[in-house]
Every structure is written in structure tokens, then in C-alpha cells.
Protein backbone atom coordinates (compact mmCIF):
# COMPACT_ATOMS: atom_id res chain seq x y z
CA UNK A 1 68.67 -61.07 -47.96
CA UNK A 2 66.28 -64.44 -47.55
CA UNK A 3 68.99 -67.59 -46.28
CA UNK A 4 66.06 -70.06 -46.18
CA UNK A 5 64.07 -69.86 -49.92
CA UNK A 6 61.15 -71.42 -50.74
CA UNK A 7 61.46 -72.20 -54.26
CA UNK A 8 58.27 -72.64 -56.74
CA UNK A 9 58.40 -73.94 -59.56
CA UNK A 10 55.17 -72.99 -62.30
CA UNK A 11 55.29 -76.11 -64.56
CA UNK A 12 53.25 -75.33 -67.26
CA UNK A 13 50.82 -72.40 -67.36
CA UNK A 14 47.60 -71.59 -69.93
CA UNK A 15 49.40 -69.52 -71.87
CA UNK A 16 50.22 -70.19 -75.97
CA UNK A 17 54.01 -71.63 -75.10
CA UNK A 18 52.91 -75.76 -75.94
CA UNK A 19 53.49 -74.93 -79.91
CA UNK A 20 57.10 -73.36 -78.90
CA UNK A 21 58.50 -75.90 -76.77
CA UNK A 22 57.97 -79.77 -76.56
CA UNK A 23 58.78 -79.59 -72.96
CA UNK A 24 55.77 -77.66 -72.26
CA UNK A 25 53.64 -80.07 -70.17
CA UNK A 26 49.94 -80.82 -71.21
CA UNK A 27 48.64 -83.83 -70.63
CA UNK A 28 47.50 -84.38 -66.86
CA UNK A 29 50.52 -87.41 -66.47
CA UNK A 30 52.97 -84.70 -68.06
CA UNK A 31 52.11 -82.05 -65.65
CA UNK A 32 52.13 -84.27 -62.92
CA UNK A 33 55.33 -85.83 -64.20
CA UNK A 34 56.98 -81.82 -64.83
CA UNK A 35 55.57 -81.49 -60.76
CA UNK A 36 57.44 -84.55 -59.67
CA UNK A 37 60.38 -83.91 -61.99
CA UNK A 38 60.86 -80.09 -60.47
CA UNK A 39 60.08 -81.37 -56.83
CA UNK A 40 62.91 -83.97 -57.56
CA UNK A 41 65.32 -80.83 -58.84
CA UNK A 42 65.09 -79.43 -55.37
CA UNK A 43 61.50 -77.30 -55.69
CA UNK A 44 59.75 -76.99 -52.76
CA UNK A 45 56.38 -76.26 -54.49
CA UNK A 46 54.44 -76.77 -57.61
CA UNK A 47 52.11 -74.50 -59.16
CA UNK A 48 50.12 -76.27 -61.49
CA UNK A 49 47.47 -75.42 -64.25
CA UNK A 50 45.58 -77.93 -66.27
CA UNK A 51 45.46 -78.11 -70.10
CA UNK A 52 42.53 -79.43 -71.95
CA UNK A 53 44.46 -82.87 -73.54
CA UNK A 54 43.23 -82.48 -76.94
CA UNK A 55 43.65 -78.61 -77.88
CA UNK A 56 46.05 -77.94 -75.02
CA UNK A 57 44.91 -74.60 -74.35
CA UNK A 58 44.21 -73.84 -70.28
CA UNK A 59 41.35 -75.40 -68.63
CA UNK A 60 39.69 -75.37 -65.19
CA UNK A 61 38.04 -78.45 -65.62
CA UNK A 62 37.78 -79.92 -62.03
CA UNK A 63 38.65 -83.47 -63.24
CA UNK A 64 41.62 -82.50 -64.84
CA UNK A 65 43.05 -80.94 -61.69
CA UNK A 66 41.65 -83.81 -59.71
CA UNK A 67 44.02 -86.25 -61.74
CA UNK A 68 47.00 -83.96 -61.77
CA UNK A 69 46.77 -83.48 -57.92
CA UNK A 70 45.97 -86.87 -56.93
CA UNK A 71 49.26 -88.49 -59.50
CA UNK A 72 51.47 -85.97 -57.42
CA UNK A 73 49.92 -87.32 -54.22
CA UNK A 74 50.29 -90.74 -55.08
CA UNK A 75 54.14 -90.52 -55.91
CA UNK A 76 56.70 -91.05 -53.44
CA UNK A 77 58.01 -87.45 -54.28
CA UNK A 78 56.80 -84.60 -51.88
CA UNK A 79 56.07 -81.03 -52.81
CA UNK A 80 53.57 -78.27 -51.93
CA UNK A 81 50.45 -78.59 -53.98
CA UNK A 82 50.04 -74.70 -55.29
CA UNK A 83 47.37 -74.57 -57.81
CA UNK A 84 45.67 -71.77 -59.96
CA UNK A 85 42.67 -70.38 -59.54
CA UNK A 86 43.01 -67.59 -61.86
CA UNK A 87 40.70 -68.78 -65.00
CA UNK A 88 37.23 -67.48 -65.28
CA UNK A 89 37.65 -63.70 -65.64
CA UNK A 90 38.70 -63.01 -69.16
CA UNK A 91 36.85 -60.36 -70.93
CA UNK A 92 37.28 -60.13 -74.42
CA UNK A 93 35.45 -57.33 -75.97
CA UNK A 94 33.34 -57.39 -79.47
CA UNK A 95 34.99 -55.50 -81.89
CA UNK A 96 31.70 -54.96 -83.63
CA UNK A 97 30.10 -53.97 -80.37
CA UNK A 98 32.57 -53.53 -77.52
CA UNK A 99 29.93 -53.52 -74.38
CA UNK A 100 29.38 -57.46 -75.47
CA UNK A 101 31.66 -60.18 -74.73
CA UNK A 102 33.77 -61.58 -78.16
CA UNK A 103 35.11 -64.94 -78.89
CA UNK A 104 37.63 -65.94 -75.85
CA UNK A 105 35.73 -64.47 -73.01
CA UNK A 106 35.51 -66.54 -70.36
CA UNK A 107 33.93 -64.66 -66.97
CA UNK A 108 32.28 -66.83 -63.79
CA UNK A 109 31.33 -66.58 -60.49
CA UNK A 110 33.65 -66.76 -57.70
CA UNK A 111 32.23 -70.28 -56.58
CA UNK A 112 32.66 -71.90 -60.18
CA UNK A 113 36.13 -70.34 -60.05
CA UNK A 114 37.31 -72.00 -57.47
CA UNK A 115 35.43 -75.60 -57.86
CA UNK A 116 38.72 -77.15 -58.71
CA UNK A 117 40.13 -76.02 -55.62
CA UNK A 118 37.19 -76.89 -53.78
CA UNK A 119 37.33 -80.54 -55.44
CA UNK A 120 41.34 -80.78 -54.97
CA UNK A 121 42.08 -78.52 -51.18
CA UNK A 122 45.58 -78.05 -52.38
CA UNK A 123 48.07 -76.37 -50.00
CA UNK A 124 48.02 -73.11 -52.03
CA UNK A 125 45.67 -71.55 -54.38
CA UNK A 126 46.57 -68.45 -56.53
CA UNK A 127 44.36 -65.29 -56.03
CA UNK A 128 44.45 -62.63 -58.71
CA UNK A 129 44.17 -59.52 -56.73
CA UNK A 130 42.86 -56.98 -59.20
CA UNK A 131 41.65 -56.13 -62.67
CA UNK A 132 44.35 -56.09 -65.74
CA UNK A 133 45.06 -55.33 -69.11
CA UNK A 134 46.50 -58.39 -69.96
CA UNK A 135 48.38 -58.23 -73.29
CA UNK A 136 48.32 -55.92 -76.35
CA UNK A 137 44.54 -57.40 -77.51
CA UNK A 138 41.17 -56.46 -76.00
CA UNK A 139 41.33 -58.99 -73.57
CA UNK A 140 40.92 -57.90 -70.16
CA UNK A 141 41.44 -60.27 -67.12
CA UNK A 142 38.57 -59.37 -64.61
CA UNK A 143 38.58 -59.61 -60.78
CA UNK A 144 36.75 -57.32 -59.05
CA UNK A 145 36.53 -56.76 -55.28
CA UNK A 146 33.12 -58.37 -54.35
CA UNK A 147 34.44 -61.83 -55.95
CA UNK A 148 37.65 -61.66 -54.94
CA UNK A 149 36.66 -61.13 -51.15
CA UNK A 150 34.09 -64.23 -52.13
CA UNK A 151 36.84 -65.98 -53.19
CA UNK A 152 39.16 -65.21 -49.72
CA UNK A 153 35.99 -66.53 -47.39
CA UNK A 154 35.92 -69.76 -49.46
CA UNK A 155 39.59 -70.94 -49.41
CA UNK A 156 39.87 -69.75 -45.97
CA UNK A 157 36.90 -72.10 -44.72
CA UNK A 158 38.35 -74.60 -46.76
CA UNK A 159 41.83 -74.12 -44.75
CA UNK A 160 43.71 -73.60 -48.31
CA UNK A 161 46.51 -70.92 -48.10
CA UNK A 162 45.74 -67.96 -51.23
CA UNK A 163 48.65 -67.06 -52.61
CA UNK A 164 47.90 -62.85 -53.21
CA UNK A 165 49.37 -62.29 -56.65
CA UNK A 166 49.57 -59.10 -57.13
CA UNK A 167 50.85 -56.93 -60.68
CA UNK A 168 50.69 -53.26 -59.53
CA UNK A 169 50.41 -51.46 -56.60
CA UNK A 170 46.73 -51.06 -56.21
CA UNK A 171 46.90 -54.93 -56.31
CA UNK A 172 48.97 -54.69 -53.08
CA UNK A 173 46.22 -52.32 -51.51
CA UNK A 174 43.62 -54.08 -52.06
CA UNK A 175 44.83 -57.55 -50.90
CA UNK A 176 45.98 -55.54 -47.79
CA UNK A 177 42.29 -54.37 -46.82
CA UNK A 178 41.68 -57.93 -47.51
CA UNK A 179 43.75 -58.54 -44.49
CA UNK A 180 42.71 -56.27 -42.22
CA UNK A 181 38.62 -57.21 -42.79
CA UNK A 182 40.22 -60.83 -41.42
CA UNK A 183 39.65 -62.72 -44.69
CA UNK A 184 42.87 -63.34 -45.05
CA UNK A 185 44.81 -65.88 -42.20
CA UNK A 186 48.31 -64.50 -40.64
CA UNK A 187 50.44 -64.55 -42.64
CA UNK A 188 49.86 -63.39 -45.77
CA UNK A 189 51.58 -64.93 -48.93
CA UNK A 190 52.17 -62.36 -51.66
CA UNK A 191 53.44 -63.14 -55.24
CA UNK A 192 54.92 -60.00 -56.88
CA UNK A 193 53.92 -60.63 -60.66
CA UNK A 194 56.42 -58.97 -62.61
CA UNK A 195 57.33 -58.24 -66.49
CA UNK A 196 53.55 -59.33 -67.41
CA UNK A 197 51.70 -56.86 -70.01
CA UNK A 198 50.93 -54.48 -68.84
CA UNK A 199 51.10 -54.68 -65.19
CA UNK A 200 54.31 -53.72 -62.57
CA UNK A 201 57.56 -54.17 -64.77
CA UNK A 202 60.75 -56.16 -63.80
CA UNK A 203 63.23 -54.64 -62.65
CA UNK A 204 64.75 -54.59 -59.21
CA UNK A 205 63.38 -50.89 -58.17
CA UNK A 206 59.93 -52.09 -58.99
CA UNK A 207 60.22 -55.31 -56.61
CA UNK A 208 61.69 -52.95 -53.65
CA UNK A 209 58.60 -50.64 -54.77
CA UNK A 210 56.29 -53.30 -54.15
CA UNK A 211 58.11 -55.06 -51.42
CA UNK A 212 57.75 -51.66 -49.08
CA UNK A 213 54.08 -51.76 -49.43
CA UNK A 214 53.86 -54.82 -48.30
CA UNK A 215 51.98 -55.26 -44.52
CA UNK A 216 54.16 -56.35 -41.42
CA UNK A 217 55.23 -59.69 -41.43
CA UNK A 218 54.25 -61.25 -44.58
CA UNK A 219 55.31 -63.82 -46.51
CA UNK A 220 56.33 -62.98 -50.41
CA UNK A 221 58.24 -64.03 -53.58
CA UNK A 222 58.66 -62.67 -56.89
CA UNK A 223 59.03 -63.51 -60.62
CA UNK A 224 60.16 -62.30 -63.87
CA UNK A 225 59.24 -63.39 -67.08
CA UNK A 226 61.56 -64.81 -70.21
CA UNK A 227 65.00 -63.37 -70.00
CA UNK A 228 64.27 -61.69 -67.13
CA UNK A 229 63.22 -64.60 -64.81
CA UNK A 230 67.05 -65.87 -63.14
CA UNK A 231 67.76 -61.93 -62.74
CA UNK A 232 64.64 -61.47 -60.46
CA UNK A 233 65.22 -64.65 -58.77
CA UNK A 234 68.50 -63.24 -57.79
CA UNK A 235 66.57 -59.58 -56.77
CA UNK A 236 64.30 -61.56 -54.73
CA UNK A 237 66.43 -63.25 -52.67
CA UNK A 238 68.46 -60.20 -52.49
CA UNK A 239 65.95 -58.16 -51.22
CA UNK A 240 64.15 -61.12 -48.58
CA UNK A 241 61.98 -63.07 -50.66
CA UNK A 242 60.84 -66.30 -51.99
CA UNK A 243 61.26 -67.18 -55.57
CA UNK A 244 59.50 -68.90 -58.60
CA UNK A 245 60.53 -70.35 -62.08
CA UNK A 246 59.34 -72.53 -64.47
CA UNK A 247 58.16 -73.04 -67.65
CA UNK A 248 54.56 -70.81 -67.07
CA UNK A 249 57.21 -67.73 -67.22
CA UNK A 250 60.23 -69.06 -69.26
CA UNK A 251 61.39 -71.48 -71.81
CA UNK A 252 64.82 -71.02 -72.19
CA UNK A 253 67.55 -72.09 -70.08
CA UNK A 254 70.14 -70.07 -71.91
CA UNK A 255 69.89 -67.73 -75.20
CA UNK A 256 68.28 -70.08 -78.01
CA UNK A 257 68.44 -73.17 -75.85
CA UNK A 258 65.05 -74.46 -74.26
CA UNK A 259 64.53 -75.90 -71.35
CA UNK A 260 63.19 -78.18 -68.77
CA UNK A 261 61.32 -77.70 -65.62
CA UNK A 262 63.91 -79.45 -63.92
CA UNK A 263 66.61 -77.80 -65.78
CA UNK A 264 65.08 -74.19 -64.48
CA UNK A 265 64.99 -75.53 -60.92
CA UNK A 266 68.47 -76.35 -60.74
CA UNK A 267 69.56 -73.04 -62.42
CA UNK A 268 67.27 -70.93 -59.75
CA UNK A 269 68.43 -73.16 -56.78
CA UNK A 270 72.65 -73.29 -57.95
CA UNK A 271 71.75 -69.07 -57.83
CA UNK A 272 70.30 -68.80 -54.51
CA UNK A 273 73.57 -71.54 -53.28
CA UNK A 274 76.04 -69.43 -54.85
CA UNK A 275 74.35 -66.27 -52.91
CA UNK A 276 74.59 -67.92 -49.58
CA UNK A 277 71.36 -69.54 -49.01
CA UNK A 278 69.46 -72.78 -49.05
CA UNK A 279 66.15 -74.55 -50.67
CA UNK A 280 63.53 -75.42 -47.98
CA UNK A 281 62.01 -78.82 -48.57
CA UNK A 282 58.45 -78.74 -48.63
CA UNK A 283 57.53 -79.74 -45.17
CA UNK A 284 60.10 -76.76 -44.25
CA UNK A 285 58.00 -74.68 -46.48
CA UNK A 286 54.88 -75.98 -45.01
CA UNK A 287 56.25 -74.65 -41.56
CA UNK A 288 57.57 -71.40 -43.00
CA UNK A 289 54.24 -69.94 -44.67
CA UNK A 290 51.86 -71.92 -42.05
CA UNK A 291 50.39 -74.49 -44.35
CA UNK A 292 48.18 -77.25 -43.58
CA UNK A 293 50.34 -80.02 -42.47
CA UNK A 294 52.60 -77.73 -41.15
CA UNK A 295 54.45 -79.20 -37.81
CA UNK A 296 52.87 -77.89 -34.50
């Protein structure tokens, strides 16, 4: 059981959810306001993606990220800033010639994948630790060992904590190799990503199996998607982990009831507190996770 919980709110993501809920933030101001809303509801950290203000699609434009992060930092609300570094690995094969990239492909190198991280220098950035069939389509998310090692070395140089996002046991195996190689500073920080097609399933048994493979002393959190979001939050706390909720992973508060980020944070906080735990403040989270700005 984890009694001192880091609660992260993933406020928007990059998926096709903007047409499904009016509460999914799109513009830099809306995304920054969502992060602030989550913090005021009790979140320790905000996980941030950027979206193209005109199309609503996910974007890796450093200027958009910088505007979002600056707005959050300039507010009177403290929150740990965690930004994605997961874009730039999408490969969609061309149906006419599967050896070639088709429409929707966005493949770039490690330095470009991290351009917005270098620009913003957040507390945390995600590091997706392997390749995955990310849907029922011909799209594959590609993140190779050389790319990941280079990305890990860069964020280590910049003092940004990598959140090692793992979607199956093989991803954990490779992340542990990077820890052993000295590319990840102690304590390593893992996110067990459950329910994503076609990664690990969102069950308590899967979460426990993945937790059992983490290196000694690791900090970890987990999340589920859709209706699995709150059950997986409770399971994570019970198994000793931290929690992530938010509109990136689930747009509903109850069956048929669209949520806001603040409502999802409030629901998760209530679950944590009813289990006997508490949500850490942003500064307490920095201290626990050994982030830039930690006391001492």
C-alpha cells in the first residue's frame, strides 16, 4: 500500500478525443488552464501534450509547448510539469507498398523528438521504452534501443527526469538495461501503461506482474484507460504505486457522463483518501521523485 501518492493528471493527450468531448483542451491557453485546474483539484503533477490549435491534432511544435509551460509556470498554482516526448515515432505502412511510409507517418530522430523538452526543461518528460502496435491499424509506434539510449543521455544531461513508460514486460527489460548502463539516474521512475492496444492488459494481475519486474528502489505509477481508469488507480495504490488519471486516458466520470480533468482528479483523490492514503503536494512529489527543485 502506498500512503503518500503522487497523483498525475494527463490533461489532453494527442488522440482523437476532441470531437468526443468539449472538455478536452486544445489551445495552449486551454491546456495550461487544464493543468492549473488539475492542480487546484489536488493533482501533484500535470502530464502535458500540445495540440495544433487549428486542427486539434497532436503537435510536437516547441513553440506550442513553450507557451503552455510558460502559462503554467507564470500562474499562482504550483504543479510538477511532466511533458510528453512520445511523438515522432509513428510509422504507417503504405498499403500499396508496405516497405514505404504512408500517410500519417511521422518519424524523426532522437534530438528532434526532444526539441520541445530542451526548450521547456520540465521536471519530467516521458520516455516510451519500446516499439508497439498502437492500434488495429497499420500504424506502429517505433522507439528503437539506439534512439532511446540517445534520448536518455540527453535528458540526463539536461537534468530532466525521464518517466519510463512501459507497455509490456519487454519494455521493462530494456528500461532496466538503461538503468544498469547508467543512463537513468536513481531512483528510476516507471509508468506502467495498461489497456493500450496492443500492449499489456489493464488487470490487477498484469499490474502485479509488471511491478514484480521493476528494479529495486524504483518509483512507479500506473494507469488504465476508459472505464478501467479508476479501478487501476485503486489497484496501483494498493500495490504500492502512484496514480495517473485525466482526459488523455478517459473522458467519462460515470457511465454517459463526460468528465473534466478537475473532476477526474477529485474522484481519484477521494479514492486514495478513502483507502487511507493522501496525495502529495507538488513540492512533496519533487522530493519523493528526486526531481529538479527538490528540497535538500
